[in-house]
Protein backbone atom coordinates (compact mmCIF):
# COMPACT_ATOMS: atom_id res chain seq x y z
CA UNK A 1 31.21 43.65 -141.19
CA UNK A 2 27.91 45.46 -141.74
CA UNK A 3 24.49 43.74 -142.02
CA UNK A 4 24.51 44.33 -145.67
CA UNK A 5 27.81 42.45 -146.16
CA UNK A 6 26.71 39.28 -144.59
CA UNK A 7 26.27 36.44 -146.84
CA UNK A 8 22.52 35.88 -147.62
CA UNK A 9 21.29 39.22 -146.25
CA UNK A 10 20.29 40.77 -149.49
CA UNK A 11 18.60 44.15 -149.40
CA UNK A 12 15.70 44.83 -151.61
CA UNK A 13 14.55 48.39 -152.37
CA UNK A 14 12.00 49.52 -154.67
CA UNK A 15 11.34 52.87 -156.46
CA UNK A 16 8.45 54.14 -158.28
CA UNK A 17 8.15 56.89 -161.03
CA UNK A 18 4.84 57.36 -162.88
CA UNK A 19 6.79 59.12 -165.86
CA UNK A 20 3.72 60.63 -167.55
CA UNK A 21 5.85 63.18 -169.35
CA UNK A 22 9.57 63.62 -169.80
CA UNK A 23 12.57 61.86 -168.07
CA UNK A 24 12.91 63.88 -164.83
CA UNK A 25 11.28 61.58 -162.49
CA UNK A 26 13.01 58.47 -164.01
CA UNK A 27 16.44 60.26 -164.04
CA UNK A 28 16.14 61.13 -160.44
CA UNK A 29 15.28 57.68 -159.27
CA UNK A 30 17.91 56.41 -161.57
CA UNK A 31 20.59 58.38 -160.08
CA UNK A 32 19.62 57.75 -156.56
CA UNK A 33 19.25 54.02 -157.14
CA UNK A 34 22.74 53.92 -158.83
CA UNK A 35 24.39 55.56 -155.87
CA UNK A 36 22.58 53.36 -153.33
CA UNK A 37 23.57 50.22 -155.19
CA UNK A 38 27.12 51.05 -155.09
CA UNK A 39 26.98 52.12 -151.46
CA UNK A 40 25.08 49.12 -150.18
CA UNK A 41 26.92 45.80 -151.17
CA UNK A 42 24.61 43.07 -152.40
CA UNK A 43 21.56 45.29 -152.51
CA UNK A 44 18.98 45.02 -155.32
CA UNK A 45 17.01 48.19 -156.45
CA UNK A 46 13.95 47.58 -158.67
CA UNK A 47 12.49 50.47 -160.47
CA UNK A 48 8.94 50.63 -161.46
CA UNK A 49 8.83 53.05 -164.37
CA UNK A 50 6.27 54.29 -166.93
CA UNK A 51 8.81 55.88 -169.47
CA UNK A 52 7.80 54.73 -173.08
CA UNK A 53 11.50 54.30 -173.97
CA UNK A 54 12.27 52.06 -170.94
CA UNK A 55 14.99 52.80 -168.53
CA UNK A 56 17.12 55.25 -171.14
CA UNK A 57 19.81 55.75 -168.77
CA UNK A 58 22.66 53.33 -168.00
CA UNK A 59 22.02 51.04 -165.01
CA UNK A 60 24.68 49.48 -162.69
CA UNK A 61 24.72 46.08 -161.33
CA UNK A 62 22.11 45.71 -158.75
CA UNK A 63 19.64 48.00 -160.51
CA UNK A 64 16.77 46.76 -162.80
CA UNK A 65 13.34 48.06 -163.81
CA UNK A 66 9.78 46.88 -164.53
CA UNK A 67 7.99 48.87 -167.21
CA UNK A 68 4.47 49.81 -166.71
CA UNK A 69 2.09 50.53 -169.64
CA UNK A 70 2.86 54.21 -170.49
CA UNK A 71 0.38 56.85 -170.11
CA UNK A 72 0.57 60.75 -170.85
CA UNK A 73 -0.48 63.62 -168.84
CA UNK A 74 -3.04 65.82 -170.56
CA UNK A 75 -3.65 68.40 -167.94
CA UNK A 76 -3.37 68.75 -164.20
CA UNK A 77 -4.34 65.39 -162.56
CA UNK A 78 -5.61 64.02 -166.00
CA UNK A 79 -3.93 61.02 -167.42
CA UNK A 80 -4.54 58.88 -170.49
CA UNK A 81 -3.09 55.73 -172.03
CA UNK A 82 -0.17 56.58 -174.33
CA UNK A 83 0.23 53.67 -176.74
CA UNK A 84 -2.21 50.81 -175.85
CA UNK A 85 -5.70 50.78 -177.46
CA UNK A 86 -7.35 48.97 -174.35
CA UNK A 87 -9.11 51.94 -172.85
CA UNK A 88 -8.54 53.71 -169.67
CA UNK A 89 -9.97 51.24 -167.22
CA UNK A 90 -8.02 48.42 -168.43
CA UNK A 91 -4.87 50.35 -168.33
CA UNK A 92 -5.51 51.46 -164.89
CA UNK A 93 -6.15 47.75 -163.93
CA UNK A 94 -3.02 46.61 -165.55
CA UNK A 95 -0.63 48.99 -163.98
CA UNK A 96 -2.17 48.36 -160.48
CA UNK A 97 -1.84 44.73 -160.80
CA UNK A 98 1.67 44.90 -162.03
CA UNK A 99 2.60 47.12 -159.19
CA UNK A 100 1.03 45.10 -156.51
CA UNK A 101 2.39 41.72 -157.69
CA UNK A 102 5.92 43.18 -158.05
CA UNK A 103 5.76 44.51 -154.46
CA UNK A 104 4.66 41.18 -153.28
CA UNK A 105 7.13 39.16 -154.93
CA UNK A 106 10.17 41.56 -154.57
CA UNK A 107 9.26 42.27 -150.86
CA UNK A 108 11.31 45.46 -150.49
CA UNK A 109 12.70 46.74 -147.27
CA UNK A 110 12.30 50.43 -148.55
CA UNK A 111 10.17 51.97 -151.10
CA UNK A 112 10.82 55.43 -152.77
CA UNK A 113 8.03 57.02 -154.37
CA UNK A 114 8.83 59.85 -156.72
CA UNK A 115 6.44 63.00 -156.89
CA UNK A 116 2.89 61.31 -156.94
CA UNK A 117 2.27 60.06 -153.37
CA UNK A 118 -0.71 57.77 -154.14
CA UNK A 119 0.38 57.25 -157.73
CA UNK A 120 -1.65 58.23 -160.75
CA UNK A 121 -5.33 57.28 -160.42
CA UNK A 122 -4.27 56.12 -156.85
CA UNK A 123 -2.70 53.16 -158.22
CA UNK A 124 -0.16 52.86 -155.38
CA UNK A 125 -2.79 52.70 -152.59
CA UNK A 126 -3.47 48.86 -152.71
CA UNK A 127 0.43 48.32 -152.53
CA UNK A 128 0.85 50.94 -149.95
CA UNK A 129 -1.76 49.27 -147.78
CA UNK A 130 -0.43 45.93 -148.48
CA UNK A 131 3.13 46.94 -147.38
CA UNK A 132 1.81 48.65 -144.13
CA UNK A 133 0.04 45.32 -143.06
CA UNK A 134 3.39 43.39 -143.32
CA UNK A 135 4.82 42.49 -139.77
CA UNK A 136 8.18 43.74 -141.13
CA UNK A 137 6.70 46.74 -142.88
CA UNK A 138 9.25 48.60 -144.98
CA UNK A 139 10.35 52.26 -144.88
CA UNK A 140 8.26 54.12 -147.28
CA UNK A 141 9.60 57.51 -148.47
CA UNK A 142 8.14 60.18 -150.79
CA UNK A 143 10.65 62.12 -152.91
CA UNK A 144 9.66 65.39 -154.18
CA UNK A 145 11.38 67.81 -156.46
CA UNK A 146 11.68 71.50 -155.31
CA UNK A 147 8.89 72.93 -157.41
CA UNK A 148 5.74 70.97 -158.19
CA UNK A 149 3.39 73.50 -159.60
CA UNK A 150 1.63 76.68 -158.35
CA UNK A 151 1.07 75.97 -154.86
CA UNK A 152 -2.76 76.51 -155.01
CA UNK A 153 -2.95 73.95 -157.96
CA UNK A 154 -1.01 71.30 -156.01
CA UNK A 155 -2.90 71.84 -152.65
CA UNK A 156 -6.19 71.57 -154.52
CA UNK A 157 -5.14 68.43 -156.23
CA UNK A 158 -3.68 66.86 -153.19
CA UNK A 159 -6.88 67.61 -151.07
CA UNK A 160 -9.14 66.07 -153.90
CA UNK A 161 -7.07 63.01 -154.18
CA UNK A 162 -6.75 62.33 -150.45
CA UNK A 163 -2.93 62.80 -150.80
CA UNK A 164 -2.52 64.46 -147.47
CA UNK A 165 -4.24 61.43 -145.65
CA UNK A 166 -1.98 59.12 -147.69
CA UNK A 167 1.14 60.78 -146.57
CA UNK A 168 -0.30 60.82 -142.85
CA UNK A 169 -1.03 57.13 -143.11
CA UNK A 170 1.80 55.51 -145.07
CA UNK A 171 4.74 57.66 -145.51
CA UNK A 172 7.71 57.53 -143.07
CA UNK A 173 9.85 60.45 -144.50
CA UNK A 174 9.53 62.97 -147.18
CA UNK A 175 12.76 63.82 -149.15
CA UNK A 176 12.76 67.30 -150.64
CA UNK A 177 15.25 67.49 -153.63
CA UNK A 178 16.03 71.02 -153.07
CA UNK A 179 16.96 73.87 -150.66
CA UNK A 180 14.50 75.53 -148.23
CA UNK A 181 16.25 78.91 -148.52
CA UNK A 182 15.71 78.87 -152.35
CA UNK A 183 12.19 77.53 -152.39
CA UNK A 184 10.30 76.38 -149.42
CA UNK A 185 8.73 73.31 -150.64
CA UNK A 186 7.19 72.32 -147.36
CA UNK A 187 5.30 75.78 -146.64
CA UNK A 188 4.26 75.97 -150.35
CA UNK A 189 2.44 72.59 -150.42
CA UNK A 190 1.17 72.39 -146.87
CA UNK A 191 3.75 70.01 -145.61
CA UNK A 192 5.36 72.26 -142.97
CA UNK A 193 2.73 71.51 -140.14
CA UNK A 194 1.91 68.04 -139.02
CA UNK A 195 4.41 66.55 -141.60
CA UNK A 196 7.42 69.04 -140.62
CA UNK A 197 9.18 66.10 -138.67
CA UNK A 198 9.20 64.05 -141.74
CA UNK A 199 10.77 66.46 -144.05
CA UNK A 200 14.44 66.32 -145.14
CA UNK A 201 15.95 68.82 -147.56
CA UNK A 202 18.67 66.93 -149.23
CA UNK A 203 20.03 69.32 -152.02
CA UNK A 204 19.62 68.93 -155.70
CA UNK A 205 19.82 65.39 -157.29
CA UNK A 206 22.23 65.57 -160.20
CA UNK A 207 23.98 63.00 -162.03
CA UNK A 208 27.29 61.80 -160.31
CA UNK A 209 28.98 60.35 -163.27
CA UNK A 210 32.27 61.73 -164.29
CA UNK A 211 32.37 63.95 -167.44
CA UNK A 212 35.13 65.01 -169.80
CA UNK A 213 36.99 68.23 -169.70
CA UNK A 214 35.79 70.97 -172.08
CA UNK A 215 38.91 70.82 -174.17
CA UNK A 216 38.80 67.07 -174.37
CA UNK A 217 35.22 66.85 -175.44
CA UNK A 218 35.84 69.69 -177.98
CA UNK A 219 38.46 67.78 -179.58
CA UNK A 220 36.34 64.63 -179.63
CA UNK A 221 33.61 66.65 -181.47
CA UNK A 222 36.01 68.34 -183.72
CA UNK A 223 34.75 71.67 -182.77
CA UNK A 224 36.77 74.83 -183.85
CA UNK A 225 34.39 77.71 -183.04
CA UNK A 226 31.88 78.84 -180.47
CA UNK A 227 29.77 75.85 -179.42
CA UNK A 228 26.12 76.25 -178.67
CA UNK A 229 24.53 73.03 -177.21
CA UNK A 230 20.60 72.99 -177.36
CA UNK A 231 19.14 70.18 -175.21
CA UNK A 232 15.42 69.34 -174.59
CA UNK A 233 15.48 66.95 -171.66
CA UNK A 234 13.41 63.89 -172.76
CA UNK A 235 12.17 65.88 -175.84
CA UNK A 236 8.47 65.15 -175.62
CA UNK A 237 7.63 68.86 -175.64
CA UNK A 238 10.94 70.33 -176.79
CA UNK A 239 10.01 70.71 -180.53
CA UNK A 240 8.54 74.22 -180.48
CA UNK A 241 11.52 75.56 -178.56
CA UNK A 242 14.05 73.79 -180.79
CA UNK A 243 12.26 74.95 -183.83
CA UNK A 244 12.67 78.52 -182.81
CA UNK A 245 16.33 78.07 -182.15
CA UNK A 246 16.80 76.66 -185.55
CA UNK A 247 14.95 79.56 -187.22
CA UNK A 248 17.36 81.70 -185.02
CA UNK A 249 20.34 80.12 -186.68
CA UNK A 250 18.82 80.71 -190.06
CA UNK A 251 18.41 84.44 -189.19
CA UNK A 252 22.16 84.48 -188.24
CA UNK A 253 23.13 82.67 -191.49
CA UNK A 254 25.88 80.14 -192.26
CA UNK A 255 28.67 82.74 -191.47
CA UNK A 256 27.63 83.18 -187.73
CA UNK A 257 30.85 81.55 -186.43
CA UNK A 258 28.72 79.23 -184.43
CA UNK A 259 28.71 75.60 -184.11
CA UNK A 260 25.50 74.07 -182.74
CA UNK A 261 24.53 70.63 -181.41
CA UNK A 262 20.78 69.96 -180.84
CA UNK A 263 20.06 66.97 -178.50
CA UNK A 264 16.46 66.36 -179.01
CA UNK A 265 15.83 63.53 -176.49
CA UNK A 266 14.56 60.11 -177.09
CA UNK A 267 10.76 61.23 -176.68
CA UNK A 268 10.66 63.65 -179.49
CA UNK A 269 8.48 62.48 -182.30
CA UNK A 270 10.52 61.05 -185.30
CA UNK A 271 8.94 63.50 -187.91
CA UNK A 272 9.71 66.45 -185.70
CA UNK A 273 13.29 65.38 -185.33
CA UNK A 274 13.56 64.85 -189.33
CA UNK A 275 12.12 68.30 -189.72
CA UNK A 276 14.89 69.83 -187.59
CA UNK A 277 17.52 68.02 -189.60
CA UNK A 278 16.11 69.30 -192.84
CA UNK A 279 16.15 72.82 -191.58
CA UNK A 280 19.85 72.29 -190.26
CA UNK A 281 21.00 71.65 -193.92
CA UNK A 282 23.48 74.47 -194.85
CA UNK A 283 23.99 75.47 -191.27
CA UNK A 284 26.89 74.29 -188.78
CA UNK A 285 24.42 72.39 -186.89
CA UNK A 286 24.02 68.65 -185.86
CA UNK A 287 20.84 67.15 -184.64
CA UNK A 288 21.24 64.14 -182.27
CA UNK A 289 18.66 62.01 -180.40
CA UNK A 290 20.32 60.86 -177.12
CA UNK A 291 23.73 60.97 -175.82
CA UNK A 292 25.06 58.73 -173.00
CA UNK A 293 27.48 61.41 -171.79
CA UNK A 294 25.25 64.27 -171.75
CA UNK A 295 27.33 66.09 -169.09
CA UNK A 296 30.27 65.97 -171.46
CA UNK A 297 28.28 67.50 -174.09
CA UNK A 298 27.06 70.45 -171.91
CA UNK A 299 30.48 70.81 -170.43
CA UNK A 300 32.12 71.38 -174.08
CA UNK A 301 29.72 74.20 -174.71
CA UNK A 302 30.25 78.04 -174.64
CA UNK A 303 26.44 78.46 -174.03
CA UNK A 304 23.81 75.88 -173.24
CA UNK A 305 20.10 76.60 -174.33
CA UNK A 306 17.67 74.53 -172.50
CA UNK A 307 14.21 74.38 -171.03
CA UNK A 308 13.80 74.89 -167.32
CA UNK A 309 13.26 71.37 -166.17
CA UNK A 310 14.65 70.25 -162.90
CA UNK A 311 17.68 68.00 -164.32
CA UNK A 312 18.68 70.17 -167.06
CA UNK A 313 18.91 73.39 -164.93
CA UNK A 314 20.76 71.67 -161.97
CA UNK A 315 22.98 69.92 -164.28
CA UNK A 316 23.82 73.36 -165.70
CA UNK A 317 24.59 74.81 -162.17
CA UNK A 318 26.76 71.91 -161.20
CA UNK A 319 28.97 72.49 -164.37
CA UNK A 320 28.74 76.30 -163.80
CA UNK A 321 27.96 76.85 -167.41
CA UNK A 322 26.35 79.88 -169.21
CA UNK A 323 22.74 79.02 -169.89
CA UNK A 324 20.03 80.56 -171.77
CA UNK A 325 16.74 79.14 -170.51
CA UNK A 326 13.51 78.97 -172.23
CA UNK A 327 10.78 77.67 -169.83
CA UNK A 328 7.70 75.84 -171.30
CA UNK A 329 4.57 77.96 -170.95
CA UNK A 330 2.59 75.08 -169.30
CA UNK A 331 0.36 73.39 -168.25
CA UNK A 332 2.37 73.44 -164.99
CA UNK A 333 3.85 76.63 -163.39
CA UNK A 334 7.02 74.66 -162.47
CA UNK A 335 9.41 75.70 -165.22
CA UNK A 336 8.50 79.36 -165.22
CA UNK A 337 8.78 79.54 -161.51
CA UNK A 338 12.26 77.93 -161.47
CA UNK A 339 13.54 79.87 -164.41
CA UNK A 340 12.54 83.16 -162.50
CA UNK A 341 14.27 81.94 -159.18
CA UNK A 342 17.45 81.21 -161.15
CA UNK A 343 17.44 84.48 -163.09
CA UNK A 344 17.08 86.42 -160.05
CA UNK A 345 20.12 84.95 -158.59
CA UNK A 346 22.25 85.66 -161.62
CA UNK A 347 22.59 81.99 -162.48
CA UNK A 348 20.81 81.94 -166.01
CA UNK A 349 19.50 84.39 -168.75
CA UNK A 350 15.85 83.78 -169.53
CA UNK A 351 13.59 84.16 -172.66
CA UNK A 352 10.15 83.92 -171.59
CA UNK A 353 7.52 82.24 -173.60
CA UNK A 354 5.69 85.52 -174.76
CA UNK A 355 9.17 86.88 -175.78
CA UNK A 356 10.13 83.98 -178.16
CA UNK A 357 10.92 84.71 -181.60
CA UNK A 358 13.68 83.77 -184.11
CA UNK A 359 15.19 87.41 -184.05
CA UNK A 360 15.09 87.59 -180.21
CA UNK A 361 16.76 84.08 -179.94
CA UNK A 362 19.52 85.14 -182.44
CA UNK A 363 20.26 88.23 -180.40
CA UNK A 364 20.19 86.49 -177.35
CA UNK A 365 22.70 83.73 -178.68
CA UNK A 366 25.31 86.51 -179.66
CA UNK A 367 24.80 88.65 -176.60
CA UNK A 368 25.23 85.71 -174.02
CA UNK A 369 28.31 84.26 -175.66
CA UNK A 370 29.85 87.72 -174.97
CA UNK A 371 28.69 88.44 -171.64
CA UNK A 372 30.94 88.02 -168.58
CA UNK A 373 28.51 88.95 -165.88
CA UNK A 374 26.77 85.59 -165.39
CA UNK A 375 26.62 82.90 -164.08
CA UNK A 376 27.25 84.01 -160.55
CA UNK A 377 28.50 81.30 -158.19
CA UNK A 378 26.05 80.40 -155.50
CA UNK A 379 27.44 78.30 -152.65
CA UNK A 380 23.90 77.38 -151.50
CA UNK A 381 23.41 75.16 -154.41
CA UNK A 382 24.19 71.71 -153.18
CA UNK A 383 24.06 69.22 -155.94
CA UNK A 384 24.89 66.08 -153.85
CA UNK A 385 21.22 65.29 -153.20
CA UNK A 386 21.49 61.85 -154.59
CA UNK A 387 24.28 60.77 -152.19
CA UNK A 388 22.40 62.31 -149.23
CA UNK A 389 19.22 60.30 -150.43
CA UNK A 390 20.98 57.09 -150.70
CA UNK A 391 22.87 57.75 -147.40
CA UNK A 392 19.52 58.37 -145.66
CA UNK A 393 17.79 55.18 -147.12
CA UNK A 394 20.99 53.20 -146.14
CA UNK A 395 20.46 54.33 -142.56
CA UNK A 396 16.97 53.44 -142.48
CA UNK A 397 17.73 49.93 -144.00
CA UNK A 398 20.48 49.34 -141.47
CA UNK A 399 17.97 50.38 -138.58
CA UNK A 400 15.34 47.99 -140.03
CA UNK A 401 17.86 45.26 -140.28
CA UNK A 402 18.98 45.69 -136.84
CA UNK A 403 15.45 45.86 -135.50
CA UNK A 404 14.40 42.74 -137.32
CA UNK A 405 17.28 40.78 -136.16
CA UNK A 406 16.77 41.74 -132.61
CA UNK A 407 13.07 40.57 -132.94
CA UNK A 408 13.96 37.27 -134.46
CA UNK A 409 16.62 36.49 -131.75
CA UNK A 410 14.07 37.28 -129.05
CA UNK A 411 11.44 35.01 -130.75
CA UNK A 412 13.92 32.38 -131.11
CA UNK A 413 14.40 32.34 -127.23
CA UNK A 414 10.78 31.42 -126.71
CA UNK A 415 9.12 34.70 -127.12
CA UNK A 416 5.99 34.10 -129.22
CA UNK A 417 4.74 37.59 -129.35
CA UNK A 418 4.42 39.23 -132.84
CA UNK A 419 6.97 41.96 -133.33
CA UNK A 420 6.64 44.81 -135.84
């Protein structure tokens, strides 16, 4: 029997994602938390999230969340309150206090922080300091997607915010959700020197939920023609791309032989979504908000049109679907970098922001549906990052539990020294 299976030895794990824009950070932590909760019996994973729509994705038994006041990213390193009218300083104070009290009460044995090592506005620092002062200090892990931004932008920001010093002082390990051979995250962002021993490249974090076959899903959707699925991730910034796609369908006309499903994402503004629905009238197009079985919808498609966000592209690769990628122009260089790397490997077709027009998209839709030269299979794309992250966390938790048990036994035999 493992330590986790012993009655009364509940294991507490906490995750943090700032969620200033989109659903990528939340989805990664949710996927890892779900795998870990299934892998480690009687464990509890508490997610600290800032997503304005809450957890969004299905949570298994053993996983729950605390919602922080929402913020929105206006520029690199610039965050503002999203909904509350209480001002910047009060929003900061409220988030810091919520995080710190949750950490104190939940008393995690491991903390997994996504993307922002010190939290926005340095909001994690008080909690990181508190955790490191504990006699039974938890394992603290930083999780980074493969591409953050242009290397010079991230390095400058991290120097300014004291991020390198925080990694040095508080973090035990760094999980890279990617492959070094495809993008060297460590070298790009100054983590390959003194922090090299902490780095673990785990592969890409993709949803591990089952999905329906193409035929089964097409029957369920009652699709008879070529199907194009256009997805915008969380949807907060997907409207311009989807508007151009809708105009492209108008260029093709109602007799194009295409059926199209738009999945706007829950973060798109309601007025924008309704505008898309108005434009869809007379076309073979449906406009949906959010679907639980997102992978099944993508798998049903003959062509998937998406932005170049982390989750969208790696789901595409996992399914080996034909994809037309439209990276957002900014403010981060992340999506354009990822789209370029994927296109160079023959995995996707790309329309760059400067080339975007209804006529160009209409041509791409029809051409890509007929092409047979992509996507090329790339065996280096490991999409088991969530399982590997959960495995690594479970190993650390086991080591912590064994160490703590040994210390308590020694202390119980008359040794009064403080063990850490």
